Amino acid sequence: MINKKQSLTLLGAVALSVSLSACSVFDWLIYKPDVPQGNYMELQQVEKLRVEMTKEQAEYILGRPVLRDSFADNIWYYVYHFKSGRNASVTHKELILYFDGDLLTKIEGDYKLSDDFDTPLNEGALPTVSAPVVAPLLPEQEPNAIRRDAKPLVEEERISKENDVPKGGNQNRPKGE
C-alpha cells in the first residue's frame, strides 16, 4: 500500500512536471494564426512579365516590391514568407527583377517564367480565342407545362391617357394638393 508520504511525493512530482512543461502539453488546444508576410504572387502574375517592360508596368502586375536596393534602384526584391500556425511549416519564395535604366532585363527566383518572357510586348502575338461560338442553352420544357391560355395571371388596370389616374390613386396624396 502507498502511505500518505509517498502519495504526497508522487502528487508533488506530477504537479512539478506539469508546471515545468507549461503549455506544451496542451499545445494542440491553443490557436496559432498563420503568418503571411511580403508579396504573395501567383504564377499567373509572374507569367505576364516580359523583357523590356517598364518599371511602371512591372509594378502594375506585381505590386510594390518589398525591397528596392538602396544603392541601385535597378534591382527589385519580391519576397513572400508564410509560417503556418498549426504545424510551424515555413514557405519562402523570392523573385528578383533586374532593370537596365527603366526596362526589365532579367528575372531570378523561385517562380517559373513563361516561354514568352524573352519576347517583348510590342513584338508578341495577341491572344486568340479558339473556342467555337455555342448557342445558349435553354431549359427543357415539357409540352404539357406550357400554358394553353394566353390570359395574364394578374389583371392590371391600364391607363389610356397620360393624365389619367388609376382608380383609388388619390388616396395616398396629402390633402390640399
Foldseek 3Di string as FASTA:
>chain_A
DDDPVRVVVVVVVVVVVDVVCPCPVVLQVDDFAKDKDFFDDDLVLQQPAAWFDFPVVNCVSRNAAPDADPVDNQKGKTWMWIAHRNPRDIDIWIKIWGHDPGTTHDIDIDHDYHPRRHPDPVRDDDDDDPDDDDDDDDDDDDPVVDDPDPDDPDDDDDDDDPPDDDPPRCVPPDPPD
